[in-house]
Protein backbone atom coordinates (compact mmCIF):
# COMPACT_ATOMS: atom_id res chain seq x y z
CA MET A 1 127.23 108.01 144.41
CA SER A 2 123.97 107.09 146.17
CA LEU A 3 125.16 103.51 146.52
CA VAL A 4 128.41 104.63 148.20
CA TYR A 5 126.48 106.90 150.52
CA LEU A 6 124.13 104.04 151.42
CA LEU A 7 127.03 101.71 152.18
CA VAL A 8 128.63 104.34 154.44
CA LEU A 9 125.35 104.82 156.30
CA VAL A 10 124.81 101.10 156.75
CA LEU A 11 128.37 100.66 157.99
CA GLY A 12 128.03 103.56 160.43
CA CYS A 13 124.73 102.34 161.79
CA SER A 14 126.07 98.83 162.16
CA LEU A 15 128.99 100.12 164.18
CA LEU A 16 126.64 102.05 166.43
CA GLU A 17 124.42 99.03 166.98
CA GLY A 18 127.30 96.65 167.61
CA GLN A 19 129.53 98.88 169.71
CA SER A 20 130.48 97.73 173.20
CA VAL A 21 132.12 99.58 176.05
CA ARG A 22 135.75 98.60 176.41
CA VAL A 23 137.84 99.80 179.41
CA ASN A 24 141.62 99.23 179.50
CA GLY A 25 141.26 96.86 176.51
CA ILE A 26 138.93 94.41 178.45
CA SER A 27 135.17 94.02 177.75
CA HIS A 28 133.03 94.15 180.89
CA ASN A 29 130.11 91.84 181.47
CA ASP A 30 126.42 92.72 181.11
CA ASP A 31 126.20 93.86 184.75
CA ARG A 32 128.94 96.42 184.17
CA GLU A 33 127.15 97.62 180.99
CA ASN A 34 123.97 98.05 182.99
CA GLU A 35 125.90 100.05 185.59
CA ILE A 36 127.32 102.30 182.86
CA GLN A 37 123.84 102.80 181.38
CA ALA A 38 122.54 103.62 184.88
CA GLU A 39 125.34 106.13 185.40
CA HIS A 40 124.76 107.64 181.91
CA PRO A 41 121.01 107.44 181.20
CA THR A 42 121.33 109.59 178.05
CA THR A 43 123.62 107.14 176.25
CA GLN A 44 120.84 104.72 175.22
CA ALA A 45 118.58 107.55 174.13
CA THR A 46 121.35 109.06 172.03
CA THR A 47 122.08 105.70 170.40
CA THR A 48 118.41 105.13 169.62
CA SER A 49 118.10 108.60 168.13
CA THR A 50 121.20 108.03 166.01
CA GLN A 51 119.83 104.71 164.77
CA GLN A 52 116.55 106.37 163.79
CA ILE A 53 118.45 109.04 161.87
CA CYS A 54 120.48 106.33 160.10
CA LEU A 55 117.33 104.41 159.16
CA SER A 56 115.73 107.60 157.88
CA ASP A 57 118.77 108.38 155.74
CA ILE A 58 118.88 104.80 154.45
CA HIS A 59 115.21 104.98 153.45
CA ALA A 60 115.83 108.29 151.70
CA VAL A 61 118.78 106.88 149.77
CA LEU A 62 116.78 103.76 148.89
CA ARG A 63 113.96 105.92 147.55
CA GLU A 64 116.45 107.92 145.51
CA MET A 65 118.02 104.74 144.16
CA SER A 66 114.59 103.36 143.28
CA ALA A 67 113.82 106.54 141.36
CA VAL A 68 117.17 106.37 139.53
CA LEU A 69 116.62 102.68 138.73
CA ALA A 70 113.14 103.41 137.37
CA GLU A 71 114.58 106.19 135.20
CA LEU A 72 117.30 103.87 133.92
CA LYS A 73 114.72 101.21 133.04
CA PHE A 74 112.66 103.86 131.23
CA ASP A 75 115.71 105.04 129.29
CA GLN A 76 116.61 101.43 128.48
CA ARG A 77 113.15 100.75 127.06
CA HIS A 78 113.35 103.84 124.88
CA THR A 79 116.85 102.88 123.76
CA MET A 80 115.67 99.38 122.81
CA ILE A 81 112.76 100.86 120.86
CA ALA A 82 115.14 103.18 119.01
CA VAL A 83 117.51 100.30 118.26
CA ASN A 84 114.64 98.14 116.96
CA ASN A 85 113.47 100.99 114.74
CA LEU A 86 116.98 101.43 113.35
CA GLU A 87 117.27 97.70 112.70
CA SER A 88 113.94 97.73 110.84
CA ARG A 89 115.05 100.68 108.71
CA LEU A 90 118.37 98.97 108.03
CA ARG A 91 116.64 95.79 106.88
CA ALA A 92 114.33 97.84 104.64
CA SER A 93 117.33 99.68 103.16
CA GLU A 94 119.19 96.42 102.56
CA SER A 95 116.13 95.02 100.80
CA LYS A 96 115.93 98.09 98.54
CA VAL A 97 119.64 97.83 97.75
CA GLU A 98 119.21 94.19 96.75
CA GLU A 99 116.26 95.12 94.51
CA LEU A 100 118.32 97.85 92.85
CA LYS A 101 121.21 95.43 92.33
CA LYS A 102 118.87 92.97 90.64
CA LYS A 103 117.45 95.69 88.40
CA VAL A 104 120.93 96.88 87.45
CA GLU A 105 121.98 93.30 86.71
CA GLU A 106 118.88 92.74 84.59
CA GLU A 107 119.51 95.96 82.67
CA ARG A 108 123.15 95.01 82.20
CA LYS A 109 122.14 91.70 80.66
CA LYS A 110 119.78 93.34 78.16
CA VAL A 111 121.50 93.47 74.79
CA ALA A 112 119.92 94.36 71.46
CA PHE A 113 120.92 96.22 68.33
CA SER A 114 119.50 97.02 64.94
CA ALA A 115 121.47 98.66 62.12
CA ALA A 116 121.43 99.34 58.39
CA LEU A 117 124.33 99.26 55.96
CA LEU A 118 124.47 102.90 54.81
CA ALA A 119 124.45 105.87 57.16
CA SER A 120 122.65 107.98 54.55
CA GLY A 121 121.75 108.07 50.88
CA SER A 122 121.63 105.02 48.63
CA GLY A 123 124.04 102.93 46.59
CA ASN A 124 125.73 99.62 45.97
CA THR A 125 128.35 97.92 48.11
CA GLY A 126 130.70 95.58 46.24
CA PRO A 127 131.63 93.55 44.45
CA TYR A 128 135.17 93.07 45.86
CA SER A 129 137.93 90.65 45.00
CA THR A 130 138.07 89.31 48.57
CA ASP A 131 135.64 88.83 51.44
CA ILE A 132 135.14 91.95 53.55
CA THR A 133 133.53 92.49 56.94
CA LEU A 134 130.45 94.67 56.56
CA VAL A 135 130.19 97.68 58.84
CA TYR A 136 126.57 98.63 59.43
CA LYS A 137 126.76 102.38 59.95
CA HIS A 138 123.15 103.46 60.46
CA ILE A 139 122.37 102.51 64.07
CA PHE A 140 118.68 102.21 64.98
CA THR A 141 119.38 100.96 68.48
CA ASN A 142 122.37 99.58 70.36
CA ILE A 143 121.29 98.61 73.88
CA GLY A 144 124.29 97.48 75.87
CA ASN A 145 126.72 98.84 73.23
CA ALA A 146 127.74 95.31 72.32
CA TYR A 147 127.79 96.20 68.61
CA ASN A 148 130.77 98.27 67.46
CA PRO A 149 129.70 100.62 64.62
CA ASN A 150 133.36 101.23 63.73
CA THR A 151 134.28 97.60 63.10
CA GLY A 152 130.90 95.97 62.42
CA ILE A 153 131.62 93.35 65.09
CA PHE A 154 129.22 92.29 67.83
CA THR A 155 130.88 91.07 71.05
CA ALA A 156 128.85 89.07 73.57
CA PRO A 157 128.92 90.78 76.99
CA SER A 158 127.61 87.71 78.81
CA ARG A 159 126.90 84.05 78.26
CA GLY A 160 123.53 83.41 76.63
CA VAL A 161 121.53 82.64 73.53
CA TYR A 162 121.48 85.44 70.95
CA ALA A 163 119.18 85.65 67.92
CA PHE A 164 120.50 87.24 64.73
CA ARG A 165 118.56 88.14 61.60
CA PHE A 166 120.00 89.73 58.46
CA ASP A 167 118.29 90.92 55.27
CA ILE A 168 119.78 91.66 51.85
CA HIS A 169 118.53 93.42 48.74
CA GLY A 170 119.83 93.88 45.19
CA GLY A 171 119.00 94.53 41.58
CA ALA A 172 118.52 92.19 38.65
CA GLY A 173 121.31 90.29 36.99
CA ARG A 174 123.71 90.24 39.98
CA THR A 175 124.18 87.80 42.82
CA VAL A 176 123.60 89.28 46.26
CA GLY A 177 124.66 87.50 49.41
CA VAL A 178 126.22 87.69 52.88
CA ASN A 179 127.65 85.21 55.38
CA LEU A 180 127.55 85.30 59.19
CA TYR A 181 130.61 84.28 61.19
CA LYS A 182 131.20 83.43 64.83
CA LYS A 183 134.78 83.62 66.10
CA GLY A 184 136.07 83.37 62.55
CA GLN A 185 133.95 80.31 61.71
CA PHE A 186 131.19 80.34 59.09
CA VAL A 187 127.74 79.86 60.64
CA ALA A 188 125.08 80.72 58.06
CA GLY A 189 124.51 82.75 54.91
CA THR A 190 121.90 83.88 52.43
CA HIS A 191 122.28 84.45 48.68
CA ALA A 192 119.92 85.39 45.86
CA PHE A 193 119.92 85.99 42.10
CA GLN A 194 117.22 87.18 39.75
CA GLU A 195 117.36 88.03 36.03
CA LYS A 196 114.70 90.75 36.18
CA GLY A 197 113.55 93.13 38.88
CA SER A 198 114.93 93.48 42.37
CA VAL A 199 115.71 90.59 44.68
CA SER A 200 115.66 90.19 48.46
CA SER A 201 116.57 87.47 50.91
CA SER A 202 116.86 87.03 54.68
CA LYS A 203 118.23 84.63 57.23
CA GLY A 204 117.91 84.10 60.98
CA VAL A 205 119.96 82.08 63.42
CA SER A 206 120.23 81.63 67.20
CA LEU A 207 123.66 81.17 68.74
CA LEU A 208 124.93 80.21 72.18
CA LEU A 209 127.69 82.69 72.92
CA GLU A 210 130.22 82.89 75.70
CA VAL A 211 131.55 86.15 77.11
CA GLY A 212 133.80 87.78 74.49
CA ASP A 213 132.59 85.72 71.51
CA ASP A 214 132.39 87.91 68.39
CA VAL A 215 129.87 87.74 65.57
CA TYR A 216 129.99 89.63 62.27
CA ILE A 217 128.77 89.52 58.68
CA LYS A 218 130.96 89.30 55.61
CA LEU A 219 130.28 90.19 52.01
CA PRO A 220 131.75 87.35 49.91
CA ALA A 221 134.08 88.15 47.02
CA GLY A 222 132.18 88.85 43.82
CA LYS A 223 128.88 89.56 45.61
CA TRP A 224 127.19 92.92 46.04
CA LEU A 225 124.43 94.62 48.01
CA TYR A 226 122.14 97.59 47.59
CA ASP A 227 120.84 99.90 50.29
CA SER A 228 118.84 103.13 50.29
CA GLY A 229 116.81 105.29 52.61
CA LEU A 230 114.48 102.31 52.99
CA HIS A 231 117.37 100.46 54.69
CA HIS A 232 116.86 97.10 53.06
CA ILE A 233 119.96 95.61 54.67
CA LYS A 234 119.74 95.40 58.44
CA PRO A 235 120.83 92.71 60.89
CA LEU A 236 118.85 92.45 64.12
CA GLN A 237 120.24 91.00 67.33
CA MET A 238 118.53 90.48 70.68
CA VAL A 239 118.86 88.32 73.79
């Protein structure tokens, strides 16, 4: 609005300064202008006064525009500061989100379980006429829930190297033993026999598994196992 007002003032003052006396559509020469000024001595004074008023108004508008411009620059600086602060906070938030994502991913990759054969009490398992998949029912820990306590099958949630360890225990005069399988293929086993006293054996193996690979332990036909509150039979798996 101030700019429009300034332009109107400048235009008006310019017209006053550049006006010339025209009679019957023809401009008279300087002598005629001097005669007119002599006949009307107040004309020049009025023009000068009007020009002074125009200049005064122009200066006032310029001062107002300078003040407005200074205020705009001040507001712009504050806006830039606010924007910079928001950008800094956004970068900090993005960094925290990335850290949380990494932690979640690390936690997701953590897989470990430990279980014993019997949920409670003590007793023998087997012998059977065919191989059976052992279901370890007493769960000590199952981080990542990769071990299924209903089927006895461990399923790899991600590609990696997994370490398995399994222990067996039995009485005298009978053969104890188990075999570990990966995707239906025999990997390793442990067996033991002793005429007198109890017998124990253990086995450990590390396997490279792909996502979805399953691992489980079978009790071979004719073999048996013993477990009690001491939980002698427990496979351990960890990444």
